Amino acid sequence: MSGAEVRTASGSMDIQQILKFLPHRYPFLMVDRVLELQPGKSIVALKNVTYNEAFFQGHFPGFKVMPGVLIIEAVAQAGGILLFHSIPDPQTKLVLLSKIDKAKFRRTVVPGDQLRLEAEIIKLKSRFCHLKGKALVDGEVAVEGEIMAFVVDAEEMNASK
């Protein structure tokens, strides 16, 4: 399946289309909708943060705050969708996070917030990608940083099990 087969004309994607690209599932799927997608360039996606998220049971029971690492994970997942639309044969690939750099946490994210996930490709080679990303709530940056990822053959990963 190529990216063009599931993308709508506007570059937006609903959750059913997202599930065709991301291997993540509940409770670890962190992208609810793609608003804009420019293959090889950038993506804008959304994560609706709800009160019943599994991580809120323990982080923190008296003051529910979305863990910063999960916000970065949401940005990385949006970046993964972008990569799958920027490489040949995406159905045979898996994107693995390899490094997070220059991460800055600027505000808390709580139930009821909507994360706007933005990522852009800084550098893309055959098996390596460098992304710059951020998550915003109501136009205010919650998290920003750089993410590096490796693109591997899914078949190789399955063979190494």
Protein backbone atom coordinates (compact mmCIF):
# COMPACT_ATOMS: atom_id res chain seq x y z
CA MET A 1 0.00 0.00 0.00
CA SER A 2 1.46 3.37 -0.92
CA GLY A 3 0.78 6.58 0.96
CA ALA A 4 -1.23 7.88 -1.98
CA GLU A 5 -3.70 5.01 -1.63
CA VAL A 6 -4.97 6.09 1.77
CA ARG A 7 -4.44 9.83 1.80
CA THR A 8 -7.28 12.11 0.93
CA ALA A 9 -6.79 14.98 -1.49
CA SER A 10 -6.26 17.46 1.37
CA GLY A 11 -3.51 15.34 2.95
CA SER A 12 -5.72 14.63 5.96
CA MET A 13 -6.17 11.18 7.47
CA ASP A 14 -8.70 9.79 9.94
CA ILE A 15 -7.93 7.15 12.57
CA GLN A 16 -8.73 4.22 10.26
CA GLN A 17 -6.18 5.47 7.74
CA ILE A 18 -3.60 6.16 10.49
CA LEU A 19 -3.91 2.56 11.70
CA LYS A 20 -2.77 1.38 8.27
CA PHE A 21 0.60 3.08 8.83
CA LEU A 22 1.37 3.03 12.53
CA PRO A 23 1.92 -0.34 14.23
CA HIS A 24 0.90 1.17 17.59
CA ARG A 25 -2.41 0.26 19.20
CA TYR A 26 -4.26 1.19 22.38
CA PRO A 27 -3.05 2.32 24.83
CA PHE A 28 0.04 3.46 22.92
CA LEU A 29 -1.43 5.01 19.78
CA MET A 30 -0.85 8.76 20.18
CA VAL A 31 -2.19 10.22 16.91
CA ASP A 32 -5.93 10.67 16.39
CA ARG A 33 -6.02 12.63 13.12
CA VAL A 34 -3.71 14.05 10.47
CA LEU A 35 -4.65 17.54 9.32
CA GLU A 36 -1.89 18.25 6.81
CA LEU A 37 0.71 16.07 5.16
CA GLN A 38 3.36 17.10 2.67
CA PRO A 39 5.40 13.98 1.84
CA GLY A 40 9.12 14.59 2.22
CA LYS A 41 8.46 17.83 4.09
CA SER A 42 6.06 18.10 7.03
CA ILE A 43 3.00 16.89 8.92
CA VAL A 44 0.42 18.39 11.27
CA ALA A 45 -1.58 15.97 13.39
CA LEU A 46 -3.78 15.92 16.50
CA LYS A 47 -3.86 13.98 19.75
CA ASN A 48 -6.93 14.47 21.93
CA VAL A 49 -5.90 14.09 25.56
CA THR A 50 -8.79 12.55 27.49
CA TYR A 51 -9.35 11.99 31.19
CA ASN A 52 -9.52 8.22 30.74
CA GLU A 53 -5.99 7.81 29.26
CA ALA A 54 -4.34 4.80 30.92
CA PHE A 55 -1.29 6.79 32.04
CA PHE A 56 -3.38 9.22 34.10
CA GLN A 57 -4.11 6.44 36.62
CA GLY A 58 -0.62 6.83 38.01
CA HIS A 59 0.73 10.13 36.62
CA PHE A 60 -0.31 11.74 38.94
CA PRO A 61 -3.52 10.61 40.67
CA GLY A 62 -4.03 13.94 42.45
CA PHE A 63 -2.93 16.15 39.55
CA LYS A 64 -3.20 14.44 36.18
CA VAL A 65 -0.32 15.43 33.89
CA MET A 66 0.57 13.76 30.58
CA PRO A 67 4.13 12.40 30.83
CA GLY A 68 6.55 14.43 28.73
CA VAL A 69 8.03 11.30 27.17
CA LEU A 70 4.57 10.40 25.85
CA ILE A 71 4.19 13.85 24.32
CA ILE A 72 7.50 13.29 22.54
CA GLU A 73 6.23 9.85 21.52
CA ALA A 74 3.15 11.50 19.99
CA VAL A 75 5.38 13.83 17.95
CA ALA A 76 7.54 10.85 16.94
CA GLN A 77 4.46 8.89 15.80
CA ALA A 78 3.35 11.84 13.67
CA GLY A 79 6.88 11.90 12.26
CA GLY A 80 6.58 8.18 11.55
CA ILE A 81 3.46 8.78 9.47
CA LEU A 82 5.34 11.49 7.58
CA LEU A 83 8.25 9.10 6.94
CA PHE A 84 5.95 6.35 5.67
CA HIS A 85 4.71 8.86 3.09
CA SER A 86 8.25 9.95 2.20
CA ILE A 87 10.00 6.63 1.51
CA PRO A 88 9.58 3.95 -1.15
CA ASP A 89 7.74 0.74 -0.24
CA PRO A 90 6.47 1.90 3.18
CA GLN A 91 4.45 -1.29 3.67
CA THR A 92 7.74 -3.21 4.03
CA LYS A 93 9.33 -0.78 6.51
CA LEU A 94 9.33 -0.07 10.22
CA VAL A 95 10.43 3.23 11.75
CA LEU A 96 12.36 3.01 15.02
CA LEU A 97 13.17 5.92 17.28
CA SER A 98 16.93 6.18 17.78
CA LYS A 99 17.58 9.53 19.49
CA ILE A 100 15.89 12.53 21.03
CA ASP A 101 17.90 15.75 21.15
CA LYS A 102 17.33 19.30 22.38
CA ALA A 103 14.01 18.36 24.03
CA LYS A 104 12.42 21.19 25.99
CA PHE A 105 9.29 20.84 28.10
CA ARG A 106 7.52 24.19 28.28
CA ARG A 107 4.04 23.54 29.74
CA THR A 108 2.00 20.76 31.26
CA VAL A 109 -0.59 18.84 29.26
CA VAL A 110 -3.73 17.83 31.13
CA PRO A 111 -7.02 16.05 30.37
CA GLY A 112 -9.12 18.06 27.92
CA ASP A 113 -6.12 19.48 26.05
CA GLN A 114 -5.68 18.88 22.35
CA LEU A 115 -2.10 18.44 21.18
CA ARG A 116 -1.24 19.85 17.78
CA LEU A 117 1.68 17.74 16.63
CA GLU A 118 4.01 19.28 14.07
CA ALA A 119 7.05 17.63 12.52
CA GLU A 120 9.28 18.49 9.61
CA ILE A 121 12.05 16.55 7.96
CA ILE A 122 15.47 18.13 8.40
CA LYS A 123 17.42 15.34 6.70
CA LEU A 124 16.32 12.08 5.10
CA LYS A 125 18.72 9.42 3.85
CA SER A 126 17.85 5.89 2.81
CA ARG A 127 17.72 4.47 6.37
CA PHE A 128 18.08 7.53 8.59
CA CYS A 129 15.86 10.51 9.27
CA HIS A 130 16.33 13.66 11.34
CA LEU A 131 13.08 15.43 12.27
CA LYS A 132 12.31 18.64 14.10
CA GLY A 133 9.05 18.56 15.99
CA LYS A 134 6.83 20.17 18.56
CA ALA A 135 3.53 19.71 20.35
CA LEU A 136 1.32 22.72 21.00
CA VAL A 137 -1.77 23.32 23.12
CA ASP A 138 -3.88 26.33 22.17
CA GLY A 139 -0.96 27.74 20.16
CA GLU A 140 1.46 27.45 23.10
CA VAL A 141 4.45 25.11 22.79
CA ALA A 142 4.26 22.23 25.28
CA VAL A 143 7.26 20.25 23.99
CA GLU A 144 9.80 20.77 21.24
CA GLY A 145 12.90 18.96 20.12
CA GLU A 146 14.68 16.94 17.48
CA ILE A 147 14.04 13.27 16.78
CA MET A 148 16.22 10.83 14.93
CA ALA A 149 14.85 7.59 13.54
CA PHE A 150 16.03 4.56 11.57
CA VAL A 151 13.99 3.03 8.80
CA VAL A 152 14.41 -0.76 8.81
CA ASP A 153 12.95 -3.58 6.78
CA ALA A 154 10.06 -5.10 8.74
CA GLU A 155 11.08 -8.52 7.46
CA GLU A 156 14.55 -8.09 9.03
CA MET A 157 12.93 -7.21 12.37
CA ASN A 158 10.69 -10.27 12.24
CA ALA A 159 13.66 -12.51 11.37
CA SER A 160 15.62 -11.27 14.39
CA LYS A 161 12.92 -12.41 16.84
